[in-house]
């Protein structure tokens, strides 16, 4: 389950300026590598391994019908 943090006004403004949406923020919270910044904060980012895993996950698909998932697989085209 993903952590949920409250956004400050500053963070909300930077998200808008930098075109970073809430989905990406949630991905960083869920899968990001933690790095302490030495001033009490924790920086989160996607390392190369996690980036590769997410790239692979983006090639997945599912088929749904009548409110149920019928099958899942990998796109090949």
Protein backbone atom coordinates (compact mmCIF):
# COMPACT_ATOMS: atom_id res chain seq x y z
CA UNK A 1 0.00 0.00 0.00
CA UNK A 2 1.27 3.42 -0.93
CA UNK A 3 2.16 6.11 1.58
CA UNK A 4 0.04 9.20 1.35
CA UNK A 5 1.57 12.53 2.29
CA UNK A 6 0.04 15.96 2.30
CA UNK A 7 1.39 18.35 -0.30
CA UNK A 8 2.56 21.80 0.72
CA UNK A 9 1.56 24.78 -1.37
CA UNK A 10 5.15 24.94 -2.62
CA UNK A 11 5.07 21.30 -3.77
CA UNK A 12 1.74 21.81 -5.53
CA UNK A 13 3.07 24.87 -7.34
CA UNK A 14 6.27 23.03 -8.44
CA UNK A 15 4.20 20.08 -9.67
CA UNK A 16 2.25 22.45 -11.90
CA UNK A 17 5.35 24.30 -13.12
CA UNK A 18 7.25 21.10 -13.86
CA UNK A 19 4.33 19.09 -15.30
CA UNK A 20 4.61 16.38 -12.65
CA UNK A 21 1.25 14.79 -11.92
CA UNK A 22 -0.03 13.00 -8.82
CA UNK A 23 0.44 9.58 -10.44
CA UNK A 24 4.20 10.16 -10.73
CA UNK A 25 4.37 11.43 -7.14
CA UNK A 26 2.65 8.21 -6.02
CA UNK A 27 5.09 6.11 -8.06
CA UNK A 28 8.00 7.89 -6.36
CA UNK A 29 6.46 7.31 -2.93
CA UNK A 30 5.81 3.63 -3.65
CA UNK A 31 8.94 2.62 -5.58
CA UNK A 32 11.47 5.42 -5.09
CA UNK A 33 14.87 4.87 -3.52
CA UNK A 34 15.24 6.84 -0.29
CA UNK A 35 18.23 9.11 0.17
CA UNK A 36 18.55 11.29 3.30
CA UNK A 37 19.47 14.86 2.42
CA UNK A 38 21.38 15.61 5.64
CA UNK A 39 18.91 18.28 6.71
CA UNK A 40 16.06 16.11 7.97
CA UNK A 41 14.47 15.44 4.59
CA UNK A 42 14.33 12.32 2.47
CA UNK A 43 14.83 12.52 -1.30
CA UNK A 44 13.10 9.81 -3.40
CA UNK A 45 14.00 8.96 -6.97
CA UNK A 46 13.82 6.06 -9.40
CA UNK A 47 17.17 4.35 -9.81
CA UNK A 48 18.11 2.64 -13.08
CA UNK A 49 16.88 -0.78 -11.92
CA UNK A 50 13.46 0.59 -11.00
CA UNK A 51 13.26 2.58 -14.24
CA UNK A 52 13.88 -0.61 -16.22
CA UNK A 53 11.18 -2.46 -14.26
CA UNK A 54 8.68 0.32 -14.89
CA UNK A 55 9.54 0.40 -18.60
CA UNK A 56 8.80 -3.31 -18.74
CA UNK A 57 5.56 -2.86 -16.80
CA UNK A 58 4.44 -0.24 -19.33
CA UNK A 59 4.39 -3.00 -21.98
CA UNK A 60 1.74 -4.95 -20.07
CA UNK A 61 -1.92 -5.09 -21.03
CA UNK A 62 -5.16 -6.45 -19.69
CA UNK A 63 -8.55 -7.23 -21.16
CA UNK A 64 -11.66 -6.59 -19.12
CA UNK A 65 -15.29 -7.47 -19.72
CA UNK A 66 -18.36 -7.21 -17.54
CA UNK A 67 -16.40 -5.68 -14.67
CA UNK A 68 -13.87 -8.51 -14.51
CA UNK A 69 -10.31 -8.91 -15.78
CA UNK A 70 -10.36 -11.65 -18.39
CA UNK A 71 -6.66 -11.91 -19.24
CA UNK A 72 -3.32 -10.13 -18.96
CA UNK A 73 -0.19 -10.21 -21.09
CA UNK A 74 2.69 -8.36 -22.72
CA UNK A 75 2.32 -6.17 -25.81
CA UNK A 76 4.63 -7.34 -28.57
CA UNK A 77 3.87 -4.76 -31.26
